[in-house]
């Protein structure tokens, strides 16, 4: 018996708990394909690369999704993360479009996406 169920994974990405909604756009042969609204956990992991004299700071956007929401997600698909707002409607982060750089399936029900801002 699995330790976590599909319902558990869906609750992790629930916007009421800490997830955000996003529009997933599947790209097939450089053409737009299916779209769907999914819930994700978005993170912008900080990193620092030390050089000989100066370090370089940056971040790598990442997202976690349930495999059930986008079972065929792959490199070059688009993910539009909807604007995040407070309960009173103030915008915390604007809507942002990302391209999937890597999709890492954990084989337990979640997929870790490495993202790049879409230009």
Protein backbone atom coordinates (compact mmCIF):
# COMPACT_ATOMS: atom_id res chain seq x y z
CA UNK A 1 0.00 0.00 0.00
CA UNK A 2 1.28 3.47 -0.92
CA UNK A 3 2.09 5.90 1.83
CA UNK A 4 0.40 8.77 0.00
CA UNK A 5 -2.62 8.80 -2.25
CA UNK A 6 -3.53 10.88 -5.31
CA UNK A 7 -5.73 12.96 -2.99
CA UNK A 8 -2.70 13.69 -0.80
CA UNK A 9 -0.71 14.93 -3.79
CA UNK A 10 -3.59 17.13 -4.93
CA UNK A 11 -3.84 18.68 -1.46
CA UNK A 12 -0.15 19.64 -1.53
CA UNK A 13 -0.71 21.88 -4.56
CA UNK A 14 -4.07 23.28 -3.36
CA UNK A 15 -4.06 27.12 -3.59
CA UNK A 16 -5.81 27.29 -0.22
CA UNK A 17 -2.85 25.53 1.41
CA UNK A 18 0.15 27.02 -0.39
CA UNK A 19 -0.08 26.20 -4.06
CA UNK A 20 -0.97 28.51 -6.93
CA UNK A 21 -2.95 27.99 -10.12
CA UNK A 22 -1.31 27.91 -13.53
CA UNK A 23 -2.22 27.28 -17.13
CA UNK A 24 -0.34 24.37 -18.68
CA UNK A 25 0.13 24.53 -22.47
CA UNK A 26 1.44 21.43 -24.19
CA UNK A 27 3.69 22.13 -27.19
CA UNK A 28 3.74 19.48 -29.94
CA UNK A 29 6.00 19.85 -33.00
CA UNK A 30 6.41 23.59 -32.27
CA UNK A 31 2.61 24.01 -32.29
CA UNK A 32 0.31 24.75 -29.36
CA UNK A 33 -1.60 21.74 -28.15
CA UNK A 34 -3.83 21.00 -25.18
CA UNK A 35 -4.25 23.52 -22.36
CA UNK A 36 -5.46 22.94 -18.83
CA UNK A 37 -5.60 24.77 -15.53
CA UNK A 38 -3.52 23.00 -12.88
CA UNK A 39 -2.35 23.70 -9.35
CA UNK A 40 1.37 23.88 -8.62
CA UNK A 41 3.87 24.69 -5.90
CA UNK A 42 6.26 27.34 -7.26
CA UNK A 43 9.68 28.10 -5.82
CA UNK A 44 12.57 30.26 -6.94
CA UNK A 45 15.61 28.53 -5.53
CA UNK A 46 18.49 30.92 -4.76
CA UNK A 47 22.00 29.98 -5.80
CA UNK A 48 25.44 31.56 -5.62
CA UNK A 49 28.31 30.56 -7.89
CA UNK A 50 31.67 31.59 -6.48
CA UNK A 51 34.16 32.93 -9.00
CA UNK A 52 37.82 33.79 -8.50
CA UNK A 53 37.07 37.35 -7.45
CA UNK A 54 33.30 37.87 -7.66
CA UNK A 55 30.37 35.58 -6.97
CA UNK A 56 27.30 35.42 -9.18
CA UNK A 57 23.89 35.42 -7.52
CA UNK A 58 20.75 34.18 -9.19
CA UNK A 59 17.70 32.00 -8.87
CA UNK A 60 16.30 28.96 -10.60
CA UNK A 61 12.50 28.84 -10.82
CA UNK A 62 11.08 25.39 -10.07
CA UNK A 63 7.58 23.97 -9.74
CA UNK A 64 6.08 20.79 -8.32
CA UNK A 65 2.96 19.33 -9.92
CA UNK A 66 0.88 16.20 -9.52
CA UNK A 67 1.56 13.76 -12.38
CA UNK A 68 -2.22 13.36 -12.69
CA UNK A 69 -2.61 17.03 -13.69
CA UNK A 70 -0.18 16.89 -16.63
CA UNK A 71 0.93 13.30 -17.29
CA UNK A 72 2.73 14.15 -20.56
CA UNK A 73 4.49 17.37 -19.49
CA UNK A 74 7.86 17.68 -21.19
CA UNK A 75 10.64 20.04 -22.20
CA UNK A 76 9.52 23.22 -24.04
CA UNK A 77 5.92 23.06 -22.74
CA UNK A 78 4.67 26.37 -21.30
CA UNK A 79 3.44 27.06 -17.79
CA UNK A 80 1.72 30.39 -17.12
CA UNK A 81 1.68 30.98 -13.36
CA UNK A 82 -1.31 33.14 -12.52
CA UNK A 83 -0.84 36.31 -10.50
CA UNK A 84 -0.70 35.75 -6.74
CA UNK A 85 -2.90 38.11 -4.74
CA UNK A 86 -3.80 38.70 -1.12
CA UNK A 87 -7.30 38.12 0.24
CA UNK A 88 -7.97 41.84 -0.30
CA UNK A 89 -6.89 41.71 -3.95
CA UNK A 90 -3.42 43.25 -3.72
CA UNK A 91 -1.05 41.63 -6.21
CA UNK A 92 2.01 39.97 -4.66
CA UNK A 93 3.52 38.58 -7.87
CA UNK A 94 2.44 39.20 -11.47
CA UNK A 95 1.41 36.55 -13.94
CA UNK A 96 4.58 34.96 -15.35
CA UNK A 97 5.10 32.66 -18.34
CA UNK A 98 7.73 29.92 -18.03
CA UNK A 99 9.15 27.32 -20.38
CA UNK A 100 9.79 23.83 -19.00
CA UNK A 101 13.53 23.14 -19.10
CA UNK A 102 13.40 19.78 -17.34
CA UNK A 103 10.67 17.49 -15.99
CA UNK A 104 11.85 15.13 -13.25
CA UNK A 105 9.23 12.50 -12.34
CA UNK A 106 9.76 11.17 -8.79
CA UNK A 107 7.82 7.99 -9.71
CA UNK A 108 5.65 8.49 -6.63
CA UNK A 109 3.07 10.92 -8.04
CA UNK A 110 4.84 14.28 -8.29
CA UNK A 111 6.92 15.92 -11.03
CA UNK A 112 9.64 18.49 -10.28
CA UNK A 113 9.89 21.05 -13.09
CA UNK A 114 12.91 23.21 -13.77
CA UNK A 115 11.66 26.39 -15.44
CA UNK A 116 13.01 29.37 -17.39
CA UNK A 117 11.15 32.65 -17.85
CA UNK A 118 9.69 32.75 -21.33
CA UNK A 119 10.95 35.68 -23.37
